[in-house]
Protein backbone atom coordinates (compact mmCIF):
# COMPACT_ATOMS: atom_id res chain seq x y z
CA MET A 1 12.67 -16.02 -4.27
CA ALA A 2 11.00 -18.40 -6.70
CA ALA A 3 7.98 -17.44 -8.80
CA GLN A 4 4.82 -16.95 -6.75
CA LYS A 5 1.11 -16.79 -7.50
CA GLY A 6 -0.11 -13.19 -7.58
CA LYS A 7 -3.25 -14.17 -5.70
CA ASP A 8 -1.09 -15.09 -2.69
CA LEU A 9 -0.03 -11.48 -2.15
CA LEU A 10 -2.46 -10.43 0.58
CA LEU A 11 -3.66 -7.08 1.85
CA LYS A 12 -4.86 -7.04 5.46
CA VAL A 13 -6.17 -4.23 7.64
CA ASP A 14 -6.32 -3.78 11.41
CA SER A 15 -10.07 -4.00 11.96
CA ASP A 16 -10.24 -2.67 15.51
CA GLY A 17 -7.07 -0.70 16.21
CA ALA A 18 -5.89 -3.47 18.53
CA GLY A 19 -3.98 -5.59 15.99
CA THR A 20 -6.81 -7.82 14.73
CA PHE A 21 -6.03 -8.07 11.01
CA ILE A 22 -8.59 -9.17 8.43
CA THR A 23 -7.99 -9.81 4.74
CA VAL A 24 -9.51 -7.30 2.34
CA ALA A 25 -11.67 -9.69 0.35
CA GLY A 26 -12.36 -9.69 -3.37
CA MET A 27 -8.98 -8.25 -4.36
CA ARG A 28 -8.04 -9.19 -7.91
CA SER A 29 -4.86 -7.16 -8.14
CA ARG A 30 -2.54 -5.43 -5.70
CA SER A 31 0.83 -3.74 -5.78
CA LEU A 32 3.29 -2.19 -3.35
CA ALA A 33 5.72 0.58 -4.30
CA PHE A 34 8.43 2.24 -2.21
CA ASN A 35 9.74 5.70 -3.04
CA THR A 36 12.34 8.05 -1.63
CA GLU A 37 12.59 11.73 -2.41
CA THR A 38 16.05 12.75 -3.50
CA VAL A 39 18.01 15.65 -2.03
CA ASP A 40 20.16 17.26 -4.71
CA ILE A 41 23.50 18.56 -3.40
CA THR A 42 25.09 19.26 -6.77
CA HIS A 43 27.41 22.29 -6.72
CA ALA A 44 29.78 24.17 -9.02
CA GLU A 45 32.63 21.74 -8.29
CA SER A 46 30.68 18.50 -8.81
CA VAL A 47 32.86 16.16 -10.85
CA GLY A 48 31.94 16.31 -14.53
CA ARG A 49 28.84 18.33 -13.58
CA TRP A 50 27.13 15.12 -12.61
CA ARG A 51 24.29 15.42 -10.16
CA GLU A 52 25.12 14.47 -6.57
CA LEU A 53 22.56 13.19 -4.08
CA LEU A 54 22.64 13.16 -0.29
CA ALA A 55 22.25 9.57 0.90
CA GLY A 56 19.44 8.82 3.33
CA ALA A 57 18.15 12.40 3.48
CA GLY A 58 14.88 12.29 1.52
CA ALA A 59 11.45 11.46 2.87
CA ARG A 60 10.44 7.85 2.30
CA GLN A 61 6.96 6.71 1.41
CA ALA A 62 5.08 3.65 0.28
CA ARG A 63 1.94 3.28 -1.77
CA VAL A 64 -0.30 0.25 -1.98
CA THR A 65 -2.82 -0.02 -4.79
CA GLY A 66 -5.43 -2.64 -5.43
CA ALA A 67 -8.54 -3.42 -7.37
CA GLY A 68 -11.31 -5.94 -6.96
CA ILE A 69 -14.94 -6.62 -6.30
CA PHE A 70 -17.01 -6.45 -3.15
CA LYS A 71 -17.18 -9.92 -1.66
CA ASP A 72 -17.00 -9.90 2.13
CA ALA A 73 -19.41 -7.75 4.13
CA ALA A 74 -17.03 -7.18 7.08
CA SER A 75 -13.99 -6.00 5.11
CA ASP A 76 -16.16 -4.08 2.60
CA ALA A 77 -17.84 -2.11 5.39
CA LEU A 78 -14.51 -1.45 7.09
CA VAL A 79 -12.90 -0.08 3.92
CA ARG A 80 -15.91 2.17 3.28
CA GLN A 81 -15.81 3.43 6.87
CA TYR A 82 -12.07 4.18 6.66
CA VAL A 83 -12.60 6.08 3.40
CA PHE A 84 -15.32 8.34 4.79
CA ASP A 85 -13.64 8.83 8.19
CA GLY A 86 -10.11 9.38 6.82
CA THR A 87 -8.88 6.74 9.27
CA ILE A 88 -5.19 5.96 9.57
CA ARG A 89 -4.81 2.33 10.58
CA ASP A 90 -2.13 -0.35 10.44
CA TRP A 91 -2.18 -2.45 7.27
CA GLN A 92 -0.16 -5.51 6.29
CA VAL A 93 1.04 -6.51 2.85
CA ILE A 94 2.00 -10.17 2.95
CA ILE A 95 4.37 -11.19 0.17
CA PRO A 96 4.69 -14.99 -0.02
CA ASP A 97 8.17 -16.40 0.64
CA PHE A 98 9.49 -12.83 1.02
CA GLY A 99 7.98 -11.21 4.09
CA THR A 100 5.43 -8.81 5.53
CA VAL A 101 5.37 -5.02 5.33
CA ARG A 102 3.37 -3.47 8.16
CA GLY A 103 2.57 0.04 9.23
CA PRO A 104 0.11 2.92 9.22
CA PHE A 105 -1.61 3.80 5.96
CA GLN A 106 -4.48 6.03 4.95
CA ILE A 107 -6.81 5.34 2.04
CA SER A 108 -5.96 8.22 -0.30
CA SER A 109 -8.12 7.16 -3.24
CA PHE A 110 -11.21 5.00 -3.58
CA GLU A 111 -13.02 4.58 -6.89
CA LEU A 112 -16.11 2.59 -7.81
CA THR A 113 -16.79 1.47 -11.35
CA GLY A 114 -19.60 -0.44 -12.97
CA ARG A 115 -20.60 -1.47 -16.45
CA HIS A 116 -24.08 -2.45 -17.45
CA ASP A 117 -22.89 -6.00 -18.21
CA ALA A 118 -20.48 -6.54 -15.32
CA GLU A 119 -20.09 -6.36 -11.56
CA VAL A 120 -19.40 -3.24 -9.50
CA ALA A 121 -15.65 -3.02 -8.95
CA PHE A 122 -13.41 -0.82 -6.83
CA GLU A 123 -9.89 0.54 -6.88
CA LEU A 124 -8.08 1.87 -3.86
CA SER A 125 -4.78 3.49 -3.03
CA LEU A 126 -3.14 3.59 0.38
CA ASP A 127 -0.40 6.05 1.28
CA SER A 128 1.99 5.39 4.16
CA ALA A 129 1.41 7.59 7.18
CA GLY A 130 4.37 6.70 9.38
CA GLU A 131 7.19 4.24 9.86
CA LEU A 132 6.85 0.87 8.14
CA THR A 133 8.44 -2.35 9.30
CA PHE A 134 9.48 -5.40 7.33
CA ALA A 135 9.61 -8.93 8.69
CA ALA A 136 11.25 -11.51 6.45
CA ALA A 137 9.36 -14.75 5.82
């Protein structure tokens, strides 16, 4: 994969529960992280006392984080509604020339910030709430 513009990494949310995805507007930064819990199976006879892990046994999760400014009334209202309702909805993270990660996420953190000489900004975190799929570009 060649170098890509960060602004081309998009975050989209299912706006109606029926697969109509809209871009979360005003995003200035976004990231996607995958994690797997490890299951330690080290025992008294482990070679050299090195830790041993059980492959494929730990719970997997993904976290999406982003920050930006309010820009689009429709996506702004939707994000606010999902925060207050605790809604779990399908989201898409579109990674240019790589693929799309899609699946259920819940907004686990939403922060608003404002300085006297700047715009109101927000930060959000999404935690995966089920199986994610990946479709290569």
